[in-house]
C-alpha atoms as a PDB file:
ATOM      1  CA  UNK A   1     -30.479   6.595 -37.935  1.00  0.00           C
ATOM      2  CA  UNK A   2     -27.036   4.954 -40.056  1.00  0.00           C
ATOM      3  CA  UNK A   3     -26.061   3.478 -36.268  1.00  0.00           C
ATOM      4  CA  UNK A   4     -28.788   1.770 -35.112  1.00  0.00           C
ATOM      5  CA  UNK A   5     -29.686   0.621 -38.376  1.00  0.00           C
ATOM      6  CA  UNK A   6     -26.304  -1.043 -38.442  1.00  0.00           C
ATOM      7  CA  UNK A   7     -26.623  -2.388 -34.955  1.00  0.00           C
ATOM      8  CA  UNK A   8     -29.982  -4.160 -35.268  1.00  0.00           C
ATOM      9  CA  UNK A   9     -28.470  -5.615 -38.437  1.00  0.00           C
ATOM     10  CA  UNK A  10     -25.602  -7.095 -35.990  1.00  0.00           C
ATOM     11  CA  UNK A  11     -28.566  -8.023 -33.982  1.00  0.00           C
ATOM     12  CA  UNK A  12     -30.262 -10.043 -35.905  1.00  0.00           C
ATOM     13  CA  UNK A  13     -27.491 -11.682 -37.894  1.00  0.00           C
ATOM     14  CA  UNK A  14     -26.040 -13.331 -35.243  1.00  0.00           C
ATOM     15  CA  UNK A  15     -28.565 -15.889 -34.455  1.00  0.00           C
ATOM     16  CA  UNK A  16     -28.816 -16.681 -37.723  1.00  0.00           C
ATOM     17  CA  UNK A  17     -25.368 -17.353 -37.840  1.00  0.00           C
ATOM     18  CA  UNK A  18     -25.413 -19.754 -34.755  1.00  0.00           C
ATOM     19  CA  UNK A  19     -28.225 -20.964 -37.076  1.00  0.00           C
ATOM     20  CA  UNK A  20     -26.787 -21.796 -40.092  1.00  0.00           C
ATOM     21  CA  UNK A  21     -23.527 -23.318 -38.320  1.00  0.00           C
ATOM     22  CA  UNK A  22     -21.886 -24.733 -39.601  1.00  0.00           C
ATOM     23  CA  UNK A  23     -22.602 -23.830 -43.011  1.00  0.00           C
ATOM     24  CA  UNK A  24     -19.242 -26.562 -43.934  1.00  0.00           C
ATOM     25  CA  UNK A  25     -17.678 -29.520 -42.048  1.00  0.00           C
ATOM     26  CA  UNK A  26     -15.366 -28.527 -39.101  1.00  0.00           C
ATOM     27  CA  UNK A  27     -11.933 -29.689 -38.060  1.00  0.00           C
ATOM     28  CA  UNK A  28     -11.086 -31.673 -34.910  1.00  0.00           C
ATOM     29  CA  UNK A  29      -7.989 -31.832 -33.988  1.00  0.00           C
ATOM     30  CA  UNK A  30      -7.148 -34.708 -31.628  1.00  0.00           C
ATOM     31  CA  UNK A  31      -3.755 -33.992 -30.407  1.00  0.00           C
ATOM     32  CA  UNK A  32      -2.295 -37.649 -30.167  1.00  0.00           C
ATOM     33  CA  UNK A  33      -1.605 -39.652 -33.722  1.00  0.00           C
ATOM     34  CA  UNK A  34      -3.338 -42.219 -34.976  1.00  0.00           C
ATOM     35  CA  UNK A  35      -4.325 -45.420 -33.600  1.00  0.00           C
ATOM     36  CA  UNK A  36      -3.927 -44.185 -28.985  1.00  0.00           C
ATOM     37  CA  UNK A  37      -6.434 -44.032 -27.233  1.00  0.00           C
ATOM     38  CA  UNK A  38      -7.059 -40.527 -27.626  1.00  0.00           C
ATOM     39  CA  UNK A  39      -7.458 -40.687 -30.951  1.00  0.00           C
ATOM     40  CA  UNK A  40     -10.055 -43.587 -31.247  1.00  0.00           C
ATOM     41  CA  UNK A  41     -12.469 -41.993 -29.147  1.00  0.00           C
ATOM     42  CA  UNK A  42     -12.347 -39.095 -30.143  1.00  0.00           C
ATOM     43  CA  UNK A  43     -12.796 -40.199 -33.875  1.00  0.00           C
ATOM     44  CA  UNK A  44     -16.072 -42.142 -32.110  1.00  0.00           C
ATOM     45  CA  UNK A  45     -16.866 -38.366 -30.798  1.00  0.00           C
ATOM     46  CA  UNK A  46     -16.765 -37.063 -34.180  1.00  0.00           C
ATOM     47  CA  UNK A  47     -18.812 -39.817 -35.986  1.00  0.00           C
ATOM     48  CA  UNK A  48     -21.508 -39.650 -33.096  1.00  0.00           C
ATOM     49  CA  UNK A  49     -21.772 -35.805 -33.045  1.00  0.00           C
ATOM     50  CA  UNK A  50     -25.171 -34.421 -34.391  1.00  0.00           C
ATOM     51  CA  UNK A  51     -24.052 -31.175 -36.540  1.00  0.00           C
ATOM     52  CA  UNK A  52     -25.606 -31.929 -39.582  1.00  0.00           C
ATOM     53  CA  UNK A  53     -21.921 -31.853 -41.163  1.00  0.00           C
ATOM     54  CA  UNK A  54     -19.347 -34.397 -40.390  1.00  0.00           C
ATOM     55  CA  UNK A  55     -15.830 -33.643 -38.790  1.00  0.00           C
ATOM     56  CA  UNK A  56     -12.571 -34.199 -40.247  1.00  0.00           C
ATOM     57  CA  UNK A  57     -10.584 -35.281 -37.960  1.00  0.00           C
ATOM     58  CA  UNK A  58      -6.867 -34.318 -38.177  1.00  0.00           C
ATOM     59  CA  UNK A  59      -4.094 -35.612 -36.083  1.00  0.00           C
ATOM     60  CA  UNK A  60      -1.363 -33.481 -34.609  1.00  0.00           C
ATOM     61  CA  UNK A  61       0.549 -35.200 -32.566  1.00  0.00           C
ATOM     62  CA  UNK A  62       3.996 -34.023 -30.644  1.00  0.00           C
ATOM     63  CA  UNK A  63       5.516 -32.895 -27.886  1.00  0.00           C
ATOM     64  CA  UNK A  64       2.975 -34.799 -25.084  1.00  0.00           C
ATOM     65  CA  UNK A  65       0.216 -33.856 -27.663  1.00  0.00           C
ATOM     66  CA  UNK A  66       1.265 -29.463 -27.118  1.00  0.00           C
ATOM     67  CA  UNK A  67       1.549 -29.656 -30.947  1.00  0.00           C
ATOM     68  CA  UNK A  68      -1.786 -30.538 -30.891  1.00  0.00           C
ATOM     69  CA  UNK A  69      -2.892 -28.302 -28.457  1.00  0.00           C
ATOM     70  CA  UNK A  70      -1.172 -25.599 -30.112  1.00  0.00           C
ATOM     71  CA  UNK A  71      -2.740 -26.007 -33.066  1.00  0.00           C
ATOM     72  CA  UNK A  72      -6.156 -25.518 -31.941  1.00  0.00           C
ATOM     73  CA  UNK A  73      -5.314 -22.634 -29.600  1.00  0.00           C
ATOM     74  CA  UNK A  74      -4.283 -20.980 -32.756  1.00  0.00           C
ATOM     75  CA  UNK A  75      -7.230 -21.431 -34.672  1.00  0.00           C
ATOM     76  CA  UNK A  76      -9.953 -19.170 -35.560  1.00  0.00           C
ATOM     77  CA  UNK A  77     -12.838 -19.171 -32.884  1.00  0.00           C
ATOM     78  CA  UNK A  78     -15.162 -19.457 -35.362  1.00  0.00           C
ATOM     79  CA  UNK A  79     -16.912 -23.232 -34.218  1.00  0.00           C
ATOM     80  CA  UNK A  80     -14.854 -24.735 -37.456  1.00  0.00           C
ATOM     81  CA  UNK A  81     -11.895 -25.292 -35.467  1.00  0.00           C
ATOM     82  CA  UNK A  82     -12.580 -27.457 -32.703  1.00  0.00           C
ATOM     83  CA  UNK A  83     -10.194 -29.543 -30.395  1.00  0.00           C
ATOM     84  CA  UNK A  84      -9.995 -33.389 -28.913  1.00  0.00           C
ATOM     85  CA  UNK A  85      -7.325 -33.720 -26.152  1.00  0.00           C
ATOM     86  CA  UNK A  86      -6.454 -35.665 -23.040  1.00  0.00           C
ATOM     87  CA  UNK A  87      -5.785 -32.905 -20.755  1.00  0.00           C
ATOM     88  CA  UNK A  88      -2.651 -33.389 -19.556  1.00  0.00           C
ATOM     89  CA  UNK A  89      -1.170 -31.333 -22.937  1.00  0.00           C
ATOM     90  CA  UNK A  90      -3.125 -28.699 -20.617  1.00  0.00           C
ATOM     91  CA  UNK A  91      -2.781 -29.412 -17.052  1.00  0.00           C
ATOM     92  CA  UNK A  92       0.928 -30.219 -17.098  1.00  0.00           C
ATOM     93  CA  UNK A  93       2.556 -28.773 -19.437  1.00  0.00           C
ATOM     94  CA  UNK A  94       2.588 -24.990 -19.315  1.00  0.00           C
ATOM     95  CA  UNK A  95       4.263 -26.104 -16.004  1.00  0.00           C
ATOM     96  CA  UNK A  96       6.640 -27.990 -17.020  1.00  0.00           C
ATOM     97  CA  UNK A  97       8.382 -25.401 -20.315  1.00  0.00           C
ATOM     98  CA  UNK A  98       6.974 -22.449 -22.077  1.00  0.00           C
ATOM     99  CA  UNK A  99       4.002 -23.073 -24.017  1.00  0.00           C
ATOM    100  CA  UNK A 100       2.337 -21.326 -27.072  1.00  0.00           C
ATOM    101  CA  UNK A 101      -0.812 -21.711 -24.880  1.00  0.00           C
ATOM    102  CA  UNK A 102      -2.243 -22.400 -21.738  1.00  0.00           C
ATOM    103  CA  UNK A 103      -5.223 -23.755 -20.106  1.00  0.00           C
ATOM    104  CA  UNK A 104      -7.071 -20.646 -20.585  1.00  0.00           C
ATOM    105  CA  UNK A 105      -6.493 -20.362 -24.447  1.00  0.00           C
ATOM    106  CA  UNK A 106      -9.747 -22.760 -24.734  1.00  0.00           C
ATOM    107  CA  UNK A 107     -13.392 -22.807 -24.300  1.00  0.00           C
ATOM    108  CA  UNK A 108     -14.249 -26.107 -22.956  1.00  0.00           C
ATOM    109  CA  UNK A 109     -17.611 -27.411 -24.839  1.00  0.00           C
ATOM    110  CA  UNK A 110     -17.802 -30.959 -22.593  1.00  0.00           C
ATOM    111  CA  UNK A 111     -16.156 -33.660 -20.787  1.00  0.00           C
ATOM    112  CA  UNK A 112     -16.422 -37.312 -22.780  1.00  0.00           C
ATOM    113  CA  UNK A 113     -14.321 -39.928 -20.948  1.00  0.00           C
ATOM    114  CA  UNK A 114     -11.806 -40.983 -17.955  1.00  0.00           C
ATOM    115  CA  UNK A 115      -9.694 -43.651 -18.042  1.00  0.00           C
ATOM    116  CA  UNK A 116      -7.572 -44.868 -14.857  1.00  0.00           C
ATOM    117  CA  UNK A 117      -3.813 -45.646 -15.344  1.00  0.00           C
ATOM    118  CA  UNK A 118      -2.358 -48.898 -14.306  1.00  0.00           C
ATOM    119  CA  UNK A 119       1.099 -50.040 -14.128  1.00  0.00           C
ATOM    120  CA  UNK A 120       1.794 -52.348 -16.821  1.00  0.00           C
ATOM    121  CA  UNK A 121       4.987 -54.753 -17.372  1.00  0.00           C
ATOM    122  CA  UNK A 122       4.559 -57.064 -20.948  1.00  0.00           C
ATOM    123  CA  UNK A 123       3.884 -60.902 -20.611  1.00  0.00           C
ATOM    124  CA  UNK A 124       7.266 -62.097 -20.919  1.00  0.00           C
ATOM    125  CA  UNK A 125       8.035 -60.144 -18.081  1.00  0.00           C
ATOM    126  CA  UNK A 126      10.281 -61.364 -14.942  1.00  0.00           C
ATOM    127  CA  UNK A 127       7.236 -58.324 -12.823  1.00  0.00           C
ATOM    128  CA  UNK A 128       4.441 -60.650 -11.276  1.00  0.00           C
ATOM    129  CA  UNK A 129       3.301 -58.132  -8.489  1.00  0.00           C
ATOM    130  CA  UNK A 130       4.245 -54.286  -8.099  1.00  0.00           C
ATOM    131  CA  UNK A 131       6.154 -55.654  -4.571  1.00  0.00           C
ATOM    132  CA  UNK A 132       8.347 -57.344  -7.014  1.00  0.00           C
ATOM    133  CA  UNK A 133       8.965 -54.457  -9.500  1.00  0.00           C
ATOM    134  CA  UNK A 134       9.615 -52.466  -5.789  1.00  0.00           C
ATOM    135  CA  UNK A 135      11.202 -54.214  -4.959  1.00  0.00           C
ATOM    136  CA  UNK A 136      13.439 -55.060  -8.091  1.00  0.00           C
ATOM    137  CA  UNK A 137      13.828 -50.897  -8.304  1.00  0.00           C
ATOM    138  CA  UNK A 138      15.653 -50.195  -4.987  1.00  0.00           C
ATOM    139  CA  UNK A 139      17.895 -52.899  -5.594  1.00  0.00           C
ATOM    140  CA  UNK A 140      19.152 -51.577  -8.193  1.00  0.00           C
ATOM    141  CA  UNK A 141      18.427 -47.203  -8.086  1.00  0.00           C
ATOM    142  CA  UNK A 142      17.506 -46.003 -11.566  1.00  0.00           C
ATOM    143  CA  UNK A 143      18.085 -48.904 -13.565  1.00  0.00           C
ATOM    144  CA  UNK A 144      14.779 -49.960 -14.537  1.00  0.00           C
ATOM    145  CA  UNK A 145      13.060 -47.810 -17.298  1.00  0.00           C
ATOM    146  CA  UNK A 146       9.396 -46.517 -17.559  1.00  0.00           C
ATOM    147  CA  UNK A 147       7.718 -45.714 -20.780  1.00  0.00           C
ATOM    148  CA  UNK A 148       4.663 -43.548 -21.596  1.00  0.00           C
ATOM    149  CA  UNK A 149       3.377 -41.138 -23.957  1.00  0.00           C
ATOM    150  CA  UNK A 150       6.154 -37.790 -23.729  1.00  0.00           C
ATOM    151  CA  UNK A 151       7.111 -35.386 -20.667  1.00  0.00           C
ATOM    152  CA  UNK A 152       4.253 -34.115 -18.351  1.00  0.00           C
ATOM    153  CA  UNK A 153       1.011 -36.714 -20.321  1.00  0.00           C
ATOM    154  CA  UNK A 154      -1.385 -38.085 -16.817  1.00  0.00           C
ATOM    155  CA  UNK A 155       0.461 -41.062 -17.185  1.00  0.00           C
ATOM    156  CA  UNK A 156       4.718 -39.574 -16.459  1.00  0.00           C
ATOM    157  CA  UNK A 157       2.081 -37.643 -13.646  1.00  0.00           C
ATOM    158  CA  UNK A 158       1.285 -41.343 -12.419  1.00  0.00           C
ATOM    159  CA  UNK A 159       4.549 -42.331 -12.735  1.00  0.00           C
ATOM    160  CA  UNK A 160       6.297 -39.502 -10.426  1.00  0.00           C
ATOM    161  CA  UNK A 161       3.886 -40.076  -8.380  1.00  0.00           C
ATOM    162  CA  UNK A 162       4.402 -43.675  -8.019  1.00  0.00           C
ATOM    163  CA  UNK A 163       7.782 -43.766  -7.598  1.00  0.00           C
ATOM    164  CA  UNK A 164       7.572 -40.950  -4.772  1.00  0.00           C
ATOM    165  CA  UNK A 165       5.315 -42.630  -3.069  1.00  0.00           C
ATOM    166  CA  UNK A 166       7.367 -46.289  -3.203  1.00  0.00           C
ATOM    167  CA  UNK A 167      10.368 -44.363  -2.476  1.00  0.00           C
ATOM    168  CA  UNK A 168      12.209 -45.576  -5.806  1.00  0.00           C
ATOM    169  CA  UNK A 169      14.327 -43.954  -8.619  1.00  0.00           C
ATOM    170  CA  UNK A 170      12.718 -45.688 -12.257  1.00  0.00           C
ATOM    171  CA  UNK A 171      14.289 -43.742 -15.295  1.00  0.00           C
ATOM    172  CA  UNK A 172      11.674 -41.770 -18.068  1.00  0.00           C
ATOM    173  CA  UNK A 173      11.607 -43.576 -21.677  1.00  0.00           C
ATOM    174  CA  UNK A 174       8.932 -41.223 -23.200  1.00  0.00           C
ATOM    175  CA  UNK A 175       7.209 -41.371 -26.451  1.00  0.00           C
ATOM    176  CA  UNK A 176       5.374 -39.208 -28.720  1.00  0.00           C
ATOM    177  CA  UNK A 177       2.814 -41.862 -28.954  1.00  0.00           C
ATOM    178  CA  UNK A 178       1.120 -44.801 -27.321  1.00  0.00           C
ATOM    179  CA  UNK A 179       1.703 -47.334 -30.318  1.00  0.00           C
ATOM    180  CA  UNK A 180       5.807 -47.189 -30.152  1.00  0.00           C
ATOM    181  CA  UNK A 181       5.674 -46.822 -26.364  1.00  0.00           C
ATOM    182  CA  UNK A 182       4.321 -50.719 -26.537  1.00  0.00           C
ATOM    183  CA  UNK A 183       6.355 -51.779 -29.583  1.00  0.00           C
ATOM    184  CA  UNK A 184       9.418 -51.087 -27.005  1.00  0.00           C
ATOM    185  CA  UNK A 185       7.644 -52.482 -24.150  1.00  0.00           C
ATOM    186  CA  UNK A 186       7.006 -56.004 -25.797  1.00  0.00           C
ATOM    187  CA  UNK A 187      10.398 -56.253 -26.776  1.00  0.00           C
ATOM    188  CA  UNK A 188      12.423 -55.395 -23.514  1.00  0.00           C
ATOM    189  CA  UNK A 189      13.603 -52.357 -24.507  1.00  0.00           C
ATOM    190  CA  UNK A 190      11.492 -50.624 -21.609  1.00  0.00           C
ATOM    191  CA  UNK A 191      10.620 -52.740 -18.273  1.00  0.00           C
ATOM    192  CA  UNK A 192       7.269 -50.873 -17.831  1.00  0.00           C
ATOM    193  CA  UNK A 193       4.442 -48.901 -18.956  1.00  0.00           C
ATOM    194  CA  UNK A 194       1.619 -46.202 -17.285  1.00  0.00           C
ATOM    195  CA  UNK A 195      -1.205 -46.466 -18.947  1.00  0.00           C
ATOM    196  CA  UNK A 196      -5.116 -47.930 -20.471  1.00  0.00           C
ATOM    197  CA  UNK A 197      -6.686 -50.871 -19.606  1.00  0.00           C
ATOM    198  CA  UNK A 198      -7.600 -50.584 -23.246  1.00  0.00           C
ATOM    199  CA  UNK A 199      -3.638 -51.009 -24.476  1.00  0.00           C
ATOM    200  CA  UNK A 200      -3.188 -53.536 -21.723  1.00  0.00           C
ATOM    201  CA  UNK A 201      -6.252 -56.315 -23.257  1.00  0.00           C
ATOM    202  CA  UNK A 202      -4.786 -55.223 -26.926  1.00  0.00           C
ATOM    203  CA  UNK A 203      -1.819 -56.692 -26.555  1.00  0.00           C
ATOM    204  CA  UNK A 204      -2.045 -58.789 -23.548  1.00  0.00           C
ATOM    205  CA  UNK A 205       0.000 -56.666 -20.848  1.00  0.00           C
ATOM    206  CA  UNK A 206      -0.016 -57.533 -17.382  1.00  0.00           C
ATOM    207  CA  UNK A 207      -1.497 -55.208 -14.666  1.00  0.00           C
ATOM    208  CA  UNK A 208       0.103 -55.220 -11.582  1.00  0.00           C
ATOM    209  CA  UNK A 209      -1.810 -52.484 -10.487  1.00  0.00           C
ATOM    210  CA  UNK A 210      -4.286 -49.486 -10.894  1.00  0.00           C
ATOM    211  CA  UNK A 211      -4.285 -45.768  -9.874  1.00  0.00           C
ATOM    212  CA  UNK A 212      -8.095 -46.074  -9.071  1.00  0.00           C
ATOM    213  CA  UNK A 213      -9.869 -45.141  -5.568  1.00  0.00           C
ATOM    214  CA  UNK A 214     -10.566 -48.738  -5.593  1.00  0.00           C
ATOM    215  CA  UNK A 215     -10.695 -51.790  -7.693  1.00  0.00           C
ATOM    216  CA  UNK A 216     -12.386 -51.297 -11.122  1.00  0.00           C
ATOM    217  CA  UNK A 217     -15.332 -53.755 -12.641  1.00  0.00           C
ATOM    218  CA  UNK A 218     -13.340 -54.536 -15.892  1.00  0.00           C
ATOM    219  CA  UNK A 219     -10.063 -55.981 -14.153  1.00  0.00           C
ATOM    220  CA  UNK A 220     -11.347 -57.027 -10.427  1.00  0.00           C
ATOM    221  CA  UNK A 221      -8.516 -58.922 -10.184  1.00  0.00           C
ATOM    222  CA  UNK A 222      -5.765 -56.264 -10.206  1.00  0.00           C
ATOM    223  CA  UNK A 223      -5.248 -54.243  -6.921  1.00  0.00           C
ATOM    224  CA  UNK A 224      -5.266 -50.633  -6.397  1.00  0.00           C
ATOM    225  CA  UNK A 225      -1.926 -48.757  -5.689  1.00  0.00           C
ATOM    226  CA  UNK A 226      -3.536 -47.401  -2.141  1.00  0.00           C
ATOM    227  CA  UNK A 227      -4.799 -50.508  -0.832  1.00  0.00           C
ATOM    228  CA  UNK A 228      -0.765 -52.294  -2.203  1.00  0.00           C
ATOM    229  CA  UNK A 229       0.286 -48.998   0.705  1.00  0.00           C
ATOM    230  CA  UNK A 230       1.365 -46.216  -2.581  1.00  0.00           C
ATOM    231  CA  UNK A 231      -1.867 -44.157  -2.282  1.00  0.00           C
ATOM    232  CA  UNK A 232      -1.948 -42.994  -6.519  1.00  0.00           C
ATOM    233  CA  UNK A 233      -4.952 -41.850  -7.505  1.00  0.00           C
ATOM    234  CA  UNK A 234      -4.820 -41.215 -11.749  1.00  0.00           C
ATOM    235  CA  UNK A 235      -7.591 -40.866 -14.498  1.00  0.00           C
ATOM    236  CA  UNK A 236      -6.770 -39.519 -17.714  1.00  0.00           C
ATOM    237  CA  UNK A 237      -9.602 -37.274 -18.770  1.00  0.00           C
ATOM    238  CA  UNK A 238      -9.831 -35.812 -22.140  1.00  0.00           C
ATOM    239  CA  UNK A 239     -12.623 -33.993 -24.011  1.00  0.00           C
ATOM    240  CA  UNK A 240     -13.897 -31.657 -26.311  1.00  0.00           C
ATOM    241  CA  UNK A 241     -11.798 -27.960 -26.541  1.00  0.00           C
ATOM    242  CA  UNK A 242     -12.479 -24.784 -29.520  1.00  0.00           C
ATOM    243  CA  UNK A 243     -10.141 -21.999 -29.420  1.00  0.00           C
ATOM    244  CA  UNK A 244     -10.993 -18.898 -26.941  1.00  0.00           C
ATOM    245  CA  UNK A 245     -14.359 -16.237 -27.935  1.00  0.00           C
ATOM    246  CA  UNK A 246     -16.129 -19.058 -30.629  1.00  0.00           C
ATOM    247  CA  UNK A 247     -19.831 -17.093 -30.087  1.00  0.00           C
ATOM    248  CA  UNK A 248     -22.158 -18.083 -27.296  1.00  0.00           C
ATOM    249  CA  UNK A 249     -24.547 -19.461 -29.584  1.00  0.00           C
ATOM    250  CA  UNK A 250     -22.685 -21.752 -31.506  1.00  0.00           C
ATOM    251  CA  UNK A 251     -20.974 -23.111 -28.391  1.00  0.00           C
ATOM    252  CA  UNK A 252     -23.857 -23.656 -27.145  1.00  0.00           C
ATOM    253  CA  UNK A 253     -24.929 -25.533 -30.180  1.00  0.00           C
ATOM    254  CA  UNK A 254     -21.576 -27.933 -29.089  1.00  0.00           C
ATOM    255  CA  UNK A 255     -22.366 -28.097 -26.101  1.00  0.00           C
ATOM    256  CA  UNK A 256     -25.764 -29.896 -27.166  1.00  0.00           C
ATOM    257  CA  UNK A 257     -24.622 -31.804 -29.374  1.00  0.00           C
ATOM    258  CA  UNK A 258     -21.680 -33.044 -27.684  1.00  0.00           C
ATOM    259  CA  UNK A 259     -24.006 -33.808 -25.041  1.00  0.00           C
ATOM    260  CA  UNK A 260     -25.921 -36.170 -27.372  1.00  0.00           C
ATOM    261  CA  UNK A 261     -22.660 -37.645 -28.958  1.00  0.00           C
ATOM    262  CA  UNK A 262     -21.867 -39.032 -25.402  1.00  0.00           C
ATOM    263  CA  UNK A 263     -24.703 -40.460 -24.462  1.00  0.00           C
ATOM    264  CA  UNK A 264     -25.142 -42.048 -27.896  1.00  0.00           C
ATOM    265  CA  UNK A 265     -25.790 -46.381 -28.292  1.00  0.00           C
ATOM    266  CA  UNK A 266     -22.829 -46.007 -30.571  1.00  0.00           C
ATOM    267  CA  UNK A 267     -20.651 -44.205 -28.670  1.00  0.00           C
ATOM    268  CA  UNK A 268     -20.591 -45.832 -25.619  1.00  0.00           C
ATOM    269  CA  UNK A 269     -20.509 -49.132 -26.991  1.00  0.00           C
ATOM    270  CA  UNK A 270     -16.704 -47.757 -28.901  1.00  0.00           C
ATOM    271  CA  UNK A 271     -15.608 -46.622 -25.271  1.00  0.00           C
ATOM    272  CA  UNK A 272     -17.418 -50.163 -23.525  1.00  0.00           C
ATOM    273  CA  UNK A 273     -14.819 -51.857 -26.702  1.00  0.00           C
ATOM    274  CA  UNK A 274     -12.125 -49.973 -26.041  1.00  0.00           C
ATOM    275  CA  UNK A 275     -11.965 -50.345 -21.938  1.00  0.00           C
ATOM    276  CA  UNK A 276     -12.641 -46.538 -21.682  1.00  0.00           C
ATOM    277  CA  UNK A 277     -14.682 -44.925 -19.150  1.00  0.00           C
ATOM    278  CA  UNK A 278     -17.435 -43.104 -19.624  1.00  0.00           C
ATOM    279  CA  UNK A 279     -17.895 -39.631 -18.800  1.00  0.00           C
ATOM    280  CA  UNK A 280     -19.572 -36.639 -19.145  1.00  0.00           C
ATOM    281  CA  UNK A 281     -20.086 -32.986 -17.486  1.00  0.00           C
ATOM    282  CA  UNK A 282     -20.688 -29.952 -19.358  1.00  0.00           C
ATOM    283  CA  UNK A 283     -18.344 -26.907 -20.072  1.00  0.00           C
ATOM    284  CA  UNK A 284     -18.069 -25.110 -17.091  1.00  0.00           C
ATOM    285  CA  UNK A 285     -17.973 -28.450 -15.110  1.00  0.00           C
ATOM    286  CA  UNK A 286     -15.107 -29.334 -17.667  1.00  0.00           C
ATOM    287  CA  UNK A 287     -13.388 -26.442 -17.304  1.00  0.00           C
ATOM    288  CA  UNK A 288     -13.199 -26.512 -13.802  1.00  0.00           C
ATOM    289  CA  UNK A 289     -11.791 -29.658 -12.990  1.00  0.00           C
ATOM    290  CA  UNK A 290      -8.901 -28.555 -15.542  1.00  0.00           C
ATOM    291  CA  UNK A 291      -8.680 -25.626 -13.338  1.00  0.00           C
ATOM    292  CA  UNK A 292      -8.709 -28.333 -10.609  1.00  0.00           C
ATOM    293  CA  UNK A 293      -5.716 -30.609 -12.243  1.00  0.00           C
ATOM    294  CA  UNK A 294      -3.221 -27.818 -12.919  1.00  0.00           C
ATOM    295  CA  UNK A 295      -3.097 -27.388  -9.409  1.00  0.00           C
ATOM    296  CA  UNK A 296      -2.698 -30.443  -8.850  1.00  0.00           C
ATOM    297  CA  UNK A 297       0.326 -31.500 -11.352  1.00  0.00           C
ATOM    298  CA  UNK A 298       1.688 -27.779 -10.062  1.00  0.00           C
ATOM    299  CA  UNK A 299       2.048 -28.828  -6.943  1.00  0.00           C
ATOM    300  CA  UNK A 300       3.632 -32.744  -7.946  1.00  0.00           C
ATOM    301  CA  UNK A 301       5.859 -31.050 -10.791  1.00  0.00           C
ATOM    302  CA  UNK A 302       7.378 -28.587  -8.042  1.00  0.00           C
ATOM    303  CA  UNK A 303       8.391 -31.449  -6.041  1.00  0.00           C
ATOM    304  CA  UNK A 304      10.061 -33.136  -8.845  1.00  0.00           C
ATOM    305  CA  UNK A 305      12.073 -29.799  -9.849  1.00  0.00           C
ATOM    306  CA  UNK A 306      10.508 -29.660 -13.369  1.00  0.00           C
ATOM    307  CA  UNK A 307       8.239 -26.682 -13.096  1.00  0.00           C
ATOM    308  CA  UNK A 308       9.560 -23.747 -15.893  1.00  0.00           C
ATOM    309  CA  UNK A 309       8.486 -19.895 -14.216  1.00  0.00           C
END
């Protein structure tokens, strides 16, 4: 009788717990420093989440997003620590060096953005086209430096793919965030940057090509790398995750809130201002996208001898 009473109490308490959630403001860990695209999109999503409590944004940048991802994975799976991530920390970094987490260390709530990667140079760069850049790289193997937000980031993957397709040798200069990378690009300390349309617009960077399947409405004059002869297609994906094991009812509540936030006019306007592509996928589909991206990234890393078993 006592066991039955206990079981009934538990069954009643679970939906009650979900109904009371959140009783306090949840934390939202962003796995990049303040000021970059991931941070700004994450803050826009946090402001739009209809949970009845504000999300408190915490930036845990560094190691290409791995520090923040590790902090999310290690947090209690109670729904009060969420994560907003660019997916490379999950789909690339665990192949390159041992991490405290893996892609299966998380519950996937929803995808919220999709950003094609551009091949960018500074406004004063001597390179007016991708062909000129490739010719210079072939003439001086390894002499041209390119910046990304860190080893294993999606821009880094795009750069590896581009170098392989174009048959050139470029030297990677990794940074902990976009702001410092672009500062050095504009100052001439690095020659090339693989990044987003948002940073290109803010800093008036020259777009030499885009790693998209077709030209984009936001920059119709920019050729795709594929049409230039190098079939390179890469996009930075991101969204909302949680430590693995969140109660199913709370996870469903978060999925509903995330879907509503992504559809909110304020969120979509923020993405438009940032030149970030709007996207939405539910938790199950988002998880499948992560698995597919991870397999693709591993193949490229293996070809570049960057996989650590």
